[in-house]
Every structure is written in C-alpha cells, then in structure tokens.
Amino acid sequence: MIIVSELAKGIDAVAHETVLECGLKTIAVLVGGLQHIYTPENKTLAVEILKHGALVSEFPLGIKHLLLVIFLSGIVSSAVCQWEL
C-alpha cells in the first residue's frame, strides 16, 4: 500500500508520518515547484519522504504555492492515486 497526500499541516502530515513509522511508502503531492516545500514546517518530513517514497509536482521549479495551485494539487493527487505503482 502507498499513501498519496499533499504535504500540508494537519491530517496530510500525520498521514505521511504514520506511513513512514510503519515502514511503508508514501507520495507527497506538492502545491508548487519541487524547490518550494509548503508548508515550511514540513521540510524535514519532505526529506524523510524522499528516503521512502517520492515528492511529485505538476509545476516547474520556481513556482510558489498560490491559491489556484493549491486547488490544482487535489487534481494531481487524484491522478497519482490512479497510477499503477
């Protein structure tokens, strides 16, 4: 089983942390380019996810989170869940 979620505070972060504690894989969908981890509090978590999963983004490097981008990340999360991993 692989968990796919955004990297926001709250339930998203808890889901990733729990999966990592169980030794499973997780994928975090970012709400901007890969060089902009949002929320900043989750940078350490993002590093741990990279060791046991992946960070993905539909957006090029340099794109920061914006309201529209945050909305679109839900679409990306949905698409990633349909991948055959």
C-alpha atoms as a PDB file:
ATOM      1  CA  MET A   1       0.000   0.000   0.000  1.00  0.00           C
ATOM      2  CA  ILE A   2       1.191   3.504  -0.817  1.00  0.00           C
ATOM      3  CA  ILE A   3      -0.348   6.634   0.674  1.00  0.00           C
ATOM      4  CA  VAL A   4      -0.761   9.691  -1.569  1.00  0.00           C
ATOM      5  CA  SER A   5      -1.487  13.046   0.025  1.00  0.00           C
ATOM      6  CA  GLU A   6      -0.463  16.675  -0.090  1.00  0.00           C
ATOM      7  CA  LEU A   7       2.221  17.934   2.291  1.00  0.00           C
ATOM      8  CA  ALA A   8       0.036  20.351   4.233  1.00  0.00           C
ATOM      9  CA  LYS A   9      -0.118  20.732   8.003  1.00  0.00           C
ATOM     10  CA  GLY A  10      -2.580  18.608   9.874  1.00  0.00           C
ATOM     11  CA  ILE A  11      -4.002  15.362   8.570  1.00  0.00           C
ATOM     12  CA  ASP A  12      -1.753  15.301   5.479  1.00  0.00           C
ATOM     13  CA  ALA A  13       1.423  15.450   7.585  1.00  0.00           C
ATOM     14  CA  VAL A  14       0.027  12.937  10.089  1.00  0.00           C
ATOM     15  CA  ALA A  15      -0.783  10.503   7.269  1.00  0.00           C
ATOM     16  CA  HIS A  16       2.771  10.688   5.874  1.00  0.00           C
ATOM     17  CA  GLU A  17       4.360  10.405   9.336  1.00  0.00           C
ATOM     18  CA  THR A  18       2.231   7.382  10.248  1.00  0.00           C
ATOM     19  CA  VAL A  19       3.030   5.604   6.993  1.00  0.00           C
ATOM     20  CA  LEU A  20       6.751   6.227   7.451  1.00  0.00           C
ATOM     21  CA  GLU A  21       6.602   4.942  11.053  1.00  0.00           C
ATOM     22  CA  CYS A  22       5.012   1.737   9.727  1.00  0.00           C
ATOM     23  CA  GLY A  23       7.815   1.293   7.194  1.00  0.00           C
ATOM     24  CA  LEU A  24       5.551   1.815   4.191  1.00  0.00           C
ATOM     25  CA  LYS A  25       5.935   4.086   1.165  1.00  0.00           C
ATOM     26  CA  THR A  26       4.295   7.460   0.699  1.00  0.00           C
ATOM     27  CA  ILE A  27       3.982  10.056  -2.057  1.00  0.00           C
ATOM     28  CA  ALA A  28       3.599  13.743  -1.270  1.00  0.00           C
ATOM     29  CA  VAL A  29       1.990  15.959  -3.893  1.00  0.00           C
ATOM     30  CA  LEU A  30       3.430  19.462  -3.654  1.00  0.00           C
ATOM     31  CA  VAL A  31       1.419  22.617  -4.237  1.00  0.00           C
ATOM     32  CA  GLY A  32       4.235  24.304  -6.133  1.00  0.00           C
ATOM     33  CA  GLY A  33       7.579  23.504  -7.685  1.00  0.00           C
ATOM     34  CA  LEU A  34       9.831  20.920  -6.049  1.00  0.00           C
ATOM     35  CA  GLN A  35      12.124  23.556  -4.575  1.00  0.00           C
ATOM     36  CA  HIS A  36       9.287  25.192  -2.604  1.00  0.00           C
ATOM     37  CA  ILE A  37       8.135  22.930   0.213  1.00  0.00           C
ATOM     38  CA  TYR A  38       4.818  24.167   1.574  1.00  0.00           C
ATOM     39  CA  THR A  39       4.265  24.281   4.451  1.00  0.00           C
ATOM     40  CA  PRO A  40       7.784  25.202   5.618  1.00  0.00           C
ATOM     41  CA  GLU A  41       7.218  23.264   8.850  1.00  0.00           C
ATOM     42  CA  ASN A  42       7.205  20.054   6.793  1.00  0.00           C
ATOM     43  CA  LYS A  43      10.663  20.376   5.206  1.00  0.00           C
ATOM     44  CA  THR A  44      12.103  17.691   7.499  1.00  0.00           C
ATOM     45  CA  LEU A  45       9.157  15.448   6.702  1.00  0.00           C
ATOM     46  CA  ALA A  46       9.755  16.019   2.971  1.00  0.00           C
ATOM     47  CA  VAL A  47      13.344  14.778   3.360  1.00  0.00           C
ATOM     48  CA  GLU A  48      12.091  11.623   5.113  1.00  0.00           C
ATOM     49  CA  ILE A  49       9.501  11.059   2.389  1.00  0.00           C
ATOM     50  CA  LEU A  50      12.265  11.222  -0.236  1.00  0.00           C
ATOM     51  CA  LYS A  51      14.036   8.331   1.538  1.00  0.00           C
ATOM     52  CA  HIS A  52      10.926   6.109   1.450  1.00  0.00           C
ATOM     53  CA  GLY A  53       8.739   7.430  -1.325  1.00  0.00           C
ATOM     54  CA  ALA A  54       8.518  10.429  -3.591  1.00  0.00           C
ATOM     55  CA  LEU A  55       7.714  14.103  -3.854  1.00  0.00           C
ATOM     56  CA  VAL A  56       5.799  14.987  -7.012  1.00  0.00           C
ATOM     57  CA  SER A  57       4.613  18.209  -8.555  1.00  0.00           C
ATOM     58  CA  GLU A  58       2.935  19.149 -11.775  1.00  0.00           C
ATOM     59  CA  PHE A  59       4.632  22.524 -11.682  1.00  0.00           C
ATOM     60  CA  PRO A  60       8.122  23.610 -12.793  1.00  0.00           C
ATOM     61  CA  LEU A  61      10.844  24.630 -10.382  1.00  0.00           C
ATOM     62  CA  GLY A  62      10.395  28.129  -9.055  1.00  0.00           C
ATOM     63  CA  ILE A  63       6.593  28.072  -8.866  1.00  0.00           C
ATOM     64  CA  LYS A  64       5.460  29.001  -5.365  1.00  0.00           C
ATOM     65  CA  HIS A  65       2.167  27.969  -3.855  1.00  0.00           C
ATOM     66  CA  LEU A  66      -0.796  30.083  -4.872  1.00  0.00           C
ATOM     67  CA  LEU A  67      -4.491  29.602  -4.210  1.00  0.00           C
ATOM     68  CA  LEU A  68      -5.044  28.231  -7.734  1.00  0.00           C
ATOM     69  CA  VAL A  69      -2.048  25.916  -7.415  1.00  0.00           C
ATOM     70  CA  ILE A  70      -3.364  24.593  -4.093  1.00  0.00           C
ATOM     71  CA  PHE A  71      -6.703  23.815  -5.761  1.00  0.00           C
ATOM     72  CA  LEU A  72      -4.985  22.035  -8.650  1.00  0.00           C
ATOM     73  CA  SER A  73      -2.871  19.874  -6.335  1.00  0.00           C
ATOM     74  CA  GLY A  74      -6.021  17.954  -5.418  1.00  0.00           C
ATOM     75  CA  ILE A  75      -6.405  17.039  -9.068  1.00  0.00           C
ATOM     76  CA  VAL A  76      -2.777  15.890  -9.174  1.00  0.00           C
ATOM     77  CA  SER A  77      -3.286  13.798  -6.017  1.00  0.00           C
ATOM     78  CA  SER A  78      -6.278  12.133  -7.620  1.00  0.00           C
ATOM     79  CA  ALA A  79      -4.313  11.356 -10.793  1.00  0.00           C
ATOM     80  CA  VAL A  80      -1.371   9.898  -8.854  1.00  0.00           C
ATOM     81  CA  CYS A  81      -3.750   7.587  -6.996  1.00  0.00           C
ATOM     82  CA  GLN A  82      -4.763   6.090 -10.327  1.00  0.00           C
ATOM     83  CA  TRP A  83      -1.182   5.177 -11.322  1.00  0.00           C
ATOM     84  CA  GLU A  84      -0.293   1.526 -11.250  1.00  0.00           C
ATOM     85  CA  LEU A  85       2.633   1.543  -8.852  1.00  0.00           C
END
